[in-house]
Amino acid sequence: MPGSIGSPPEEDIFITLVHGLGQAKMIRNVIKVVDLVSKFDETPSMKIYNSILDVLVKEDIDLARKFYREKMMESGLEGDDYTFGILMKGLCLTNRINEGFKHLAAMKSRGLIPNTVIYNTLLHALCKNGKVGRARSLMNEMLEPNEVTSNILISAYCREGNVVQALVLLEKSIGNGCVPDVITVTKVIGILCNGGRVTEAVEVLERVKSSGGSVDVVAYNTLIKGFCKKRKAKIAVGYLKEMERKGSLPNVETYNVLNSGFCESGMLDSAMDTFQEMNTAGIIGNFVIFDTLVNGLCSGGRTNDGFKILELMEESKGGSRGRISPYNRIIYGLYKENRLTEAFEFLSKMGKLFPRAIERSSRILGLCKEGTIGDAKRVYDQMTEEGGISILFFVALFFLASFLFSPISPVGQ
């Protein structure tokens, strides 16, 4: 019996019990904790009520609201900011946005001022449901919008592709001393770079830094990618150096982006130098960077260098992991350099790594030689339907076949 205990349990004991029952999904028993507290001639505290309400909201918002009305309000407790925040969270989690607005109005009618967390919860739900305009109007009601408020709305504008409003709100937020977090800033930089507005992206980066905001390697990588996309990889290198000076160390993605930019611009020596710099920095290359380099070198007439990178990939911890694309690129490079005998030798070596692909490819070549192009096409279609084989491989095969089985060599055409 409770009366036999020298002193009643402390509040934290009951809260721990509530959490435990909640984790065990014993929801009805959670509600009974109120009665258990009363048996010790104690009045349940607001903290205990809120703990119960928080568990109920995650399971059943209607049950939570009933508990609020019948247990809390009838005991004379209207609740505090945390209470109303929990209820708003429950309504928004179930997308009952209109009821969320009614909840907000009910608070105001009682003379309560909704705090920033309650507003932000409703703002997030509005933006998640594509009602960004309504969210912006609601923001204007807030007495103290904070960084989270800015993050929610700016991110929503970025998802919509509304870069103008994103920039307007970003500038307004910084002016009010609410610098958005690095994730939000990176989204703005990304949307600008994707639209080719790299100069403006740089301005955003500088504005955030000068306002005390943080910028990480992901933000710099996004900007570097923007410059590479505009064939300005040399400028992008400058931001790699700046990133290092600011204490954000480049990662393998940084070098992936730069190498891709150099290769697309035909600056193969710079791509190789960047790859060497990455190795010197102790950053382990992944499949993407090897594949990109092999492609750039082979497409640029430097298949021998492509071979060297392929060998480094094979010696690396990850290797190709069964992916055929870098090998395809070697074959294509050999074809472009008219080294067809070497291409066939390399193709036969590939049979050990990709026996199924090589066997079927040989069938295609044989069918082409026999002039039964329709049958060759059917084998090709079957392979592409099964997936896992690069189209470039078959482009190379086609070129090889056209050379071998045509009376006129493509060289000199």
Protein backbone atom coordinates (compact mmCIF):
# COMPACT_ATOMS: atom_id res chain seq x y z
CA MET A 1 0.00 0.00 0.00
CA PRO A 2 1.26 3.53 -0.71
CA GLY A 3 0.67 4.49 2.89
CA SER A 4 3.27 2.00 4.05
CA ILE A 5 6.05 3.84 2.26
CA GLY A 6 7.91 6.39 4.36
CA SER A 7 7.86 9.11 1.70
CA PRO A 8 6.19 9.32 -1.74
CA PRO A 9 8.34 8.74 -4.84
CA GLU A 10 9.89 11.81 -6.38
CA GLU A 11 8.52 13.35 -9.57
CA ASP A 12 11.33 11.93 -11.71
CA ILE A 13 10.35 8.38 -10.72
CA PHE A 14 6.87 8.87 -12.17
CA ILE A 15 8.28 10.50 -15.32
CA THR A 16 10.63 7.55 -15.81
CA LEU A 17 7.65 5.22 -15.39
CA VAL A 18 5.72 7.18 -18.04
CA HIS A 19 8.61 6.90 -20.51
CA GLY A 20 9.02 3.20 -19.86
CA LEU A 21 5.33 2.47 -20.36
CA GLY A 22 5.41 4.57 -23.54
CA GLN A 23 8.34 2.62 -24.97
CA ALA A 24 6.48 -0.61 -24.16
CA LYS A 25 3.42 0.75 -26.03
CA MET A 26 1.29 0.35 -22.87
CA ILE A 27 -0.57 3.54 -23.68
CA ARG A 28 -3.65 3.03 -21.50
CA ASN A 29 -1.40 2.37 -18.51
CA VAL A 30 0.44 5.63 -19.18
CA ILE A 31 -2.77 7.54 -18.45
CA LYS A 32 -3.21 5.65 -15.15
CA VAL A 33 0.02 7.18 -13.82
CA VAL A 34 -2.04 10.25 -12.88
CA ASP A 35 -4.20 8.11 -10.59
CA LEU A 36 -1.08 6.40 -9.20
CA VAL A 37 0.37 9.75 -8.16
CA SER A 38 -2.91 10.68 -6.45
CA LYS A 39 -2.80 7.49 -4.36
CA PHE A 40 0.26 8.91 -2.64
CA ASP A 41 -1.80 12.00 -1.70
CA GLU A 42 0.24 13.97 -4.19
CA THR A 43 -1.01 16.27 -6.93
CA PRO A 44 0.44 15.39 -10.35
CA SER A 45 2.78 18.15 -11.49
CA MET A 46 2.66 19.91 -14.82
CA LYS A 47 5.84 18.07 -15.78
CA ILE A 48 4.19 14.69 -15.20
CA TYR A 49 1.11 15.73 -17.19
CA ASN A 50 3.28 16.96 -20.05
CA SER A 51 5.30 13.74 -20.07
CA ILE A 52 2.10 11.71 -20.39
CA LEU A 53 0.78 14.06 -23.07
CA ASP A 54 4.01 13.75 -25.05
CA VAL A 55 3.71 9.93 -25.10
CA LEU A 56 0.05 10.05 -26.12
CA VAL A 57 0.64 12.54 -28.95
CA LYS A 58 3.10 10.18 -30.63
CA GLU A 59 0.52 7.38 -30.63
CA ASP A 60 -2.92 9.00 -30.96
CA ILE A 61 -3.54 12.73 -31.18
CA ASP A 62 -7.23 12.31 -30.40
CA LEU A 63 -6.47 10.37 -27.25
CA ALA A 64 -3.96 13.06 -26.30
CA ARG A 65 -6.51 15.83 -26.74
CA LYS A 66 -9.06 13.89 -24.70
CA PHE A 67 -6.49 13.46 -21.93
CA TYR A 68 -5.79 17.20 -22.04
CA ARG A 69 -9.49 18.08 -21.74
CA GLU A 70 -10.59 15.45 -19.20
CA LYS A 71 -7.52 15.13 -17.03
CA MET A 72 -5.62 18.38 -17.24
CA MET A 73 -8.27 21.03 -17.75
CA GLU A 74 -10.74 19.42 -15.33
CA SER A 75 -8.03 19.42 -12.68
CA GLY A 76 -7.61 23.15 -13.22
CA LEU A 77 -4.47 23.02 -15.37
CA GLU A 78 -4.68 24.79 -18.73
CA GLY A 79 -1.07 23.95 -19.44
CA ASP A 80 2.09 25.85 -20.23
CA ASP A 81 4.08 26.57 -23.38
CA TYR A 82 5.37 23.02 -23.41
CA THR A 83 1.82 21.62 -23.20
CA PHE A 84 0.60 23.63 -26.16
CA GLY A 85 3.77 22.85 -28.08
CA ILE A 86 3.17 19.12 -27.61
CA LEU A 87 -0.41 19.42 -28.86
CA MET A 88 0.68 21.48 -31.86
CA LYS A 89 3.31 18.86 -32.68
CA GLY A 90 0.64 16.14 -32.63
CA LEU A 91 -1.70 18.07 -34.89
CA CYS A 92 1.07 18.84 -37.38
CA LEU A 93 2.41 15.29 -37.41
CA THR A 94 -1.03 14.16 -38.57
CA ASN A 95 -1.30 17.05 -41.08
CA ARG A 96 -4.29 18.55 -39.28
CA ILE A 97 -3.11 22.01 -40.15
CA ASN A 98 -6.47 23.77 -39.92
CA GLU A 99 -6.87 22.41 -36.39
CA GLY A 100 -3.36 23.67 -35.73
CA PHE A 101 -4.51 27.19 -36.59
CA LYS A 102 -7.54 26.75 -34.30
CA HIS A 103 -5.19 25.63 -31.56
CA LEU A 104 -3.13 28.78 -32.11
CA ALA A 105 -6.26 30.95 -31.99
CA ALA A 106 -7.43 29.22 -28.79
CA MET A 107 -4.15 30.08 -27.10
CA LYS A 108 -4.45 33.72 -28.09
CA SER A 109 -8.07 33.89 -26.90
CA ARG A 110 -6.88 32.83 -23.44
CA GLY A 111 -4.37 35.63 -23.39
CA LEU A 112 -1.42 33.33 -24.05
CA ILE A 113 1.35 34.29 -26.46
CA PRO A 114 2.45 31.29 -28.58
CA ASN A 115 6.20 30.86 -28.39
CA THR A 116 8.59 30.51 -31.31
CA VAL A 117 8.69 26.71 -31.12
CA ILE A 118 4.89 26.47 -31.53
CA TYR A 119 4.98 28.80 -34.54
CA ASN A 120 7.92 26.93 -36.09
CA THR A 121 6.08 23.62 -35.73
CA LEU A 122 3.12 24.96 -37.67
CA LEU A 123 5.39 26.68 -40.21
CA HIS A 124 7.18 23.39 -40.90
CA ALA A 125 3.88 21.57 -41.44
CA LEU A 126 2.69 24.27 -43.86
CA CYS A 127 5.91 24.16 -45.89
CA LYS A 128 5.90 20.35 -45.94
CA ASN A 129 2.45 20.53 -47.52
CA GLY A 130 3.50 23.11 -50.12
CA LYS A 131 1.76 26.06 -48.44
CA VAL A 132 4.82 28.30 -48.36
CA GLY A 133 2.92 31.54 -48.97
CA ARG A 134 0.69 30.89 -45.99
CA ALA A 135 3.75 30.02 -43.93
CA ARG A 136 5.39 33.33 -44.85
CA SER A 137 2.24 35.20 -43.75
CA LEU A 138 2.27 33.31 -40.45
CA MET A 139 5.92 34.24 -39.94
CA ASN A 140 4.92 37.90 -40.01
CA GLU A 141 2.82 37.30 -36.87
CA MET A 142 5.80 36.06 -34.90
CA LEU A 143 7.33 38.29 -32.26
CA GLU A 144 10.67 36.49 -32.21
CA PRO A 145 11.42 34.48 -35.36
CA ASN A 146 14.75 32.69 -35.00
CA GLU A 147 17.30 30.80 -37.11
CA VAL A 148 15.03 27.75 -37.22
CA THR A 149 12.23 29.91 -38.66
CA SER A 150 14.57 31.12 -41.41
CA ASN A 151 15.84 27.61 -42.11
CA ILE A 152 12.30 26.28 -42.55
CA LEU A 153 11.13 28.96 -44.98
CA ILE A 154 14.34 29.38 -46.99
CA SER A 155 14.57 25.62 -47.47
CA ALA A 156 10.95 25.58 -48.62
CA TYR A 157 11.61 28.30 -51.19
CA CYS A 158 14.63 26.34 -52.44
CA ARG A 159 12.50 23.21 -52.88
CA GLU A 160 10.07 25.27 -54.96
CA GLY A 161 12.93 26.70 -57.01
CA ASN A 162 11.93 30.20 -55.88
CA VAL A 163 15.44 31.59 -55.63
CA VAL A 164 14.26 35.23 -55.48
CA GLN A 165 12.24 34.73 -52.30
CA ALA A 166 14.96 32.53 -50.83
CA LEU A 167 17.52 35.31 -51.30
CA VAL A 168 15.16 38.01 -50.00
CA LEU A 169 14.45 36.03 -46.84
CA LEU A 170 18.11 35.10 -46.41
CA GLU A 171 19.13 38.76 -46.48
CA LYS A 172 16.29 39.75 -44.15
CA SER A 173 17.21 37.02 -41.69
CA ILE A 174 20.88 37.99 -41.63
CA GLY A 175 19.86 41.63 -41.18
CA ASN A 176 17.81 40.62 -38.14
CA GLY A 177 20.73 38.70 -36.67
CA CYS A 178 19.32 35.26 -37.53
CA VAL A 179 21.97 33.65 -39.71
CA PRO A 180 20.61 30.41 -41.24
CA ASP A 181 22.52 27.20 -40.62
CA VAL A 182 25.04 25.75 -43.05
CA ILE A 183 22.54 23.21 -44.45
CA THR A 184 20.16 25.98 -45.49
CA VAL A 185 22.96 28.16 -46.85
CA THR A 186 24.21 25.22 -48.92
CA LYS A 187 20.74 24.79 -50.42
CA VAL A 188 20.75 28.43 -51.53
CA ILE A 189 24.25 28.10 -52.99
CA GLY A 190 23.17 24.92 -54.76
CA ILE A 191 20.10 26.43 -56.37
CA LEU A 192 22.14 29.42 -57.57
CA CYS A 193 24.91 27.22 -58.99
CA ASN A 194 22.43 24.95 -60.73
CA GLY A 195 21.04 28.05 -62.43
CA GLY A 196 24.51 29.16 -63.53
CA ARG A 197 24.53 32.08 -61.06
CA VAL A 198 27.87 31.20 -59.51
CA THR A 199 28.90 34.80 -58.82
CA GLU A 200 25.78 35.29 -56.69
CA ALA A 201 26.53 32.03 -54.91
CA VAL A 202 29.95 33.42 -53.97
CA GLU A 203 28.27 36.57 -52.65
CA VAL A 204 25.97 34.47 -50.46
CA LEU A 205 28.94 32.52 -49.11
CA GLU A 206 30.84 35.70 -48.29
CA ARG A 207 27.77 37.35 -46.74
CA VAL A 208 27.18 34.41 -44.44
CA LYS A 209 30.83 34.22 -43.39
CA SER A 210 31.03 37.95 -42.68
CA SER A 211 27.90 37.64 -40.52
CA GLY A 212 29.44 34.96 -38.34
CA GLY A 213 27.72 32.02 -40.01
CA SER A 214 29.45 28.69 -40.52
CA VAL A 215 30.37 27.24 -43.90
CA ASP A 216 31.55 23.65 -44.22
CA VAL A 217 33.12 21.39 -46.84
CA VAL A 218 29.71 20.53 -48.34
CA ALA A 219 28.97 24.22 -49.00
CA TYR A 220 32.40 24.71 -50.61
CA ASN A 221 31.98 21.53 -52.67
CA THR A 222 28.67 22.86 -53.96
CA LEU A 223 30.32 26.12 -55.01
CA ILE A 224 33.28 24.29 -56.59
CA LYS A 225 30.85 22.14 -58.55
CA GLY A 226 29.10 25.30 -59.77
CA PHE A 227 32.36 26.72 -61.14
CA CYS A 228 33.29 23.40 -62.76
CA LYS A 229 29.88 23.24 -64.39
CA LYS A 230 30.66 26.61 -66.02
CA ARG A 231 34.04 25.28 -67.21
CA LYS A 232 35.91 27.42 -64.65
CA ALA A 233 37.77 24.68 -62.83
CA LYS A 234 40.84 26.85 -62.24
CA ILE A 235 38.73 29.33 -60.27
CA ALA A 236 37.25 26.39 -58.38
CA VAL A 237 40.77 25.42 -57.24
CA GLY A 238 41.03 28.81 -55.55
CA TYR A 239 38.05 27.93 -53.37
CA LEU A 240 39.63 24.61 -52.49
CA LYS A 241 42.64 26.56 -51.20
CA GLU A 242 40.38 29.00 -49.35
CA MET A 243 38.49 26.12 -47.80
CA GLU A 244 41.78 24.73 -46.46
CA ARG A 245 42.78 28.14 -45.06
CA LYS A 246 39.44 28.41 -43.26
CA GLY A 247 39.93 25.02 -41.62
CA SER A 248 37.49 22.98 -43.74
CA LEU A 249 39.55 20.14 -45.14
CA PRO A 250 38.61 18.93 -48.65
CA ASN A 251 37.28 15.39 -48.95
CA VAL A 252 37.12 12.85 -51.75
CA GLU A 253 33.97 14.53 -53.13
CA THR A 254 35.92 17.80 -53.50
CA TYR A 255 38.47 16.06 -55.67
CA ASN A 256 35.79 14.12 -57.56
CA VAL A 257 34.15 17.40 -58.55
CA LEU A 258 37.43 19.07 -59.51
CA ASN A 259 38.65 16.12 -61.53
CA SER A 260 35.37 15.93 -63.37
CA GLY A 261 35.59 19.66 -64.12
CA PHE A 262 39.13 19.41 -65.45
CA CYS A 263 38.32 16.35 -67.56
CA GLU A 264 35.23 17.97 -69.08
CA SER A 265 37.33 21.03 -69.96
CA GLY A 266 40.05 18.86 -71.51
CA MET A 267 42.57 19.97 -68.86
CA LEU A 268 43.93 16.48 -68.33
CA ASP A 269 47.29 17.51 -66.84
CA SER A 270 45.44 19.52 -64.19
CA ALA A 271 43.19 16.54 -63.51
CA MET A 272 46.23 14.32 -62.98
CA ASP A 273 47.87 16.94 -60.74
CA THR A 274 44.71 17.18 -58.64
CA PHE A 275 44.58 13.40 -58.36
CA GLN A 276 48.21 13.38 -57.16
CA GLU A 277 47.46 16.18 -54.68
CA MET A 278 44.59 14.11 -53.30
CA ASN A 279 46.90 11.14 -52.78
CA THR A 280 49.52 13.36 -51.12
CA ALA A 281 46.84 14.65 -48.73
CA GLY A 282 46.17 11.04 -47.71
CA ILE A 283 42.63 10.99 -49.11
CA ILE A 284 41.67 7.58 -50.48
CA GLY A 285 40.11 7.75 -53.92
CA ASN A 286 36.76 6.06 -54.56
CA PHE A 287 35.41 4.39 -57.69
CA VAL A 288 33.93 7.64 -59.02
CA ILE A 289 37.24 9.47 -59.17
CA PHE A 290 39.02 6.55 -60.86
CA ASP A 291 36.21 6.11 -63.38
CA THR A 292 36.11 9.84 -64.13
CA LEU A 293 39.84 10.01 -64.73
CA VAL A 294 39.94 6.89 -66.92
CA ASN A 295 37.07 8.33 -68.98
CA GLY A 296 38.70 11.75 -69.36
CA LEU A 297 42.09 10.33 -70.29
CA CYS A 298 40.78 7.77 -72.77
CA SER A 299 38.41 10.27 -74.39
CA GLY A 300 41.29 12.75 -74.61
CA GLY A 301 43.63 10.39 -76.44
CA ARG A 302 45.71 9.40 -73.42
CA THR A 303 44.70 5.79 -73.04
CA ASN A 304 48.12 4.76 -71.70
CA ASP A 305 47.58 7.10 -68.76
CA GLY A 306 44.09 5.67 -68.48
CA PHE A 307 45.65 2.22 -68.11
CA LYS A 308 47.78 3.49 -65.22
CA ILE A 309 44.77 4.88 -63.37
CA LEU A 310 42.88 1.63 -64.00
CA GLU A 311 45.75 -0.30 -62.43
CA LEU A 312 45.71 2.01 -59.40
CA MET A 313 41.97 1.41 -59.09
CA GLU A 314 42.47 -2.35 -59.19
CA GLU A 315 45.16 -2.09 -56.50
CA SER A 316 42.95 0.10 -54.30
CA LYS A 317 40.88 -1.28 -51.45
CA GLY A 318 37.54 -0.85 -53.24
CA GLY A 319 38.60 -1.83 -56.76
CA SER A 320 35.86 -1.84 -59.38
CA ARG A 321 33.48 -3.97 -57.29
CA GLY A 322 32.17 -5.61 -60.41
CA ARG A 323 31.50 -2.38 -62.31
CA ILE A 324 32.47 -2.55 -65.94
CA SER A 325 32.49 1.12 -67.00
CA PRO A 326 36.24 1.91 -66.61
CA TYR A 327 37.10 -1.17 -68.67
CA ASN A 328 34.64 -0.06 -71.34
CA ARG A 329 36.39 3.28 -71.45
CA ILE A 330 39.76 1.65 -72.05
CA ILE A 331 38.34 -0.27 -75.02
CA TYR A 332 36.81 2.92 -76.39
CA GLY A 333 40.12 4.78 -75.95
CA LEU A 334 42.02 2.06 -77.77
CA TYR A 335 39.52 2.22 -80.61
CA LYS A 336 39.87 5.99 -80.88
CA GLU A 337 43.64 5.61 -81.11
CA ASN A 338 43.20 2.88 -83.78
CA ARG A 339 44.83 0.28 -81.51
CA LEU A 340 42.33 -2.39 -82.42
CA THR A 341 44.56 -5.40 -81.84
CA GLU A 342 45.24 -4.20 -78.31
CA ALA A 343 41.52 -3.59 -77.84
CA PHE A 344 40.75 -7.24 -78.63
CA GLU A 345 43.56 -8.43 -76.37
CA PHE A 346 42.19 -6.30 -73.55
CA LEU A 347 38.71 -7.60 -74.29
CA SER A 348 39.89 -11.19 -73.87
CA LYS A 349 41.47 -10.30 -70.52
CA MET A 350 38.17 -8.81 -69.44
CA GLY A 351 36.61 -12.23 -69.88
CA LYS A 352 38.08 -13.28 -66.53
CA LEU A 353 36.38 -10.38 -64.77
CA PHE A 354 33.12 -10.24 -66.71
CA PRO A 355 32.67 -13.69 -68.32
CA ARG A 356 28.94 -13.33 -68.95
CA ALA A 357 29.31 -9.94 -70.64
CA ILE A 358 32.25 -11.04 -72.77
CA GLU A 359 30.56 -14.28 -73.85
CA ARG A 360 27.49 -12.42 -75.05
CA SER A 361 29.58 -9.67 -76.61
CA SER A 362 31.48 -12.28 -78.57
CA ARG A 363 28.14 -13.64 -79.77
CA ILE A 364 27.22 -10.14 -80.95
CA LEU A 365 30.49 -9.81 -82.83
CA GLY A 366 30.02 -13.24 -84.38
CA LEU A 367 26.48 -12.43 -85.48
CA CYS A 368 27.70 -9.13 -86.95
CA LYS A 369 30.37 -11.00 -88.87
CA GLU A 370 27.77 -13.39 -90.23
CA GLY A 371 25.59 -10.46 -91.26
CA THR A 372 22.67 -11.41 -88.98
CA ILE A 373 22.29 -7.95 -87.46
CA GLY A 374 18.74 -8.66 -86.26
CA ASP A 375 19.93 -11.54 -84.07
CA ALA A 376 22.80 -9.42 -82.77
CA LYS A 377 20.31 -6.69 -81.82
CA ARG A 378 18.15 -9.19 -79.92
CA VAL A 379 21.14 -10.37 -77.86
CA TYR A 380 22.02 -6.75 -77.17
CA ASP A 381 18.44 -5.93 -76.10
CA GLN A 382 18.40 -8.93 -73.77
CA MET A 383 21.61 -7.76 -72.10
CA THR A 384 20.39 -4.20 -71.60
CA GLU A 385 17.08 -5.45 -70.16
CA GLU A 386 18.96 -7.49 -67.57
CA GLY A 387 20.94 -4.39 -66.60
CA GLY A 388 24.42 -3.94 -65.21
CA ILE A 389 26.16 -3.50 -68.59
CA SER A 390 27.28 -0.09 -69.80
CA ILE A 391 26.05 1.15 -73.15
CA LEU A 392 29.56 2.46 -73.87
CA PHE A 393 30.81 -1.11 -73.98
CA PHE A 394 28.54 -1.87 -76.90
CA VAL A 395 29.43 1.38 -78.63
CA ALA A 396 33.06 0.22 -78.57
CA LEU A 397 32.05 -3.20 -79.84
CA PHE A 398 30.09 -1.63 -82.64
CA PHE A 399 33.09 0.43 -83.70
CA LEU A 400 35.34 -2.61 -83.57
CA ALA A 401 32.86 -4.69 -85.52
CA SER A 402 32.41 -1.96 -88.11
CA PHE A 403 36.16 -1.90 -88.63
CA LEU A 404 36.66 -5.66 -88.79
CA PHE A 405 33.69 -6.56 -90.90
CA SER A 406 33.59 -3.59 -93.25
CA PRO A 407 35.61 -3.63 -96.48
CA ILE A 408 36.61 -0.02 -95.83
CA SER A 409 38.66 0.86 -92.74
CA PRO A 410 37.34 3.83 -90.73
CA VAL A 411 40.87 5.17 -90.44
CA GLY A 412 41.34 8.22 -92.59
CA GLN A 413 37.65 8.72 -93.20
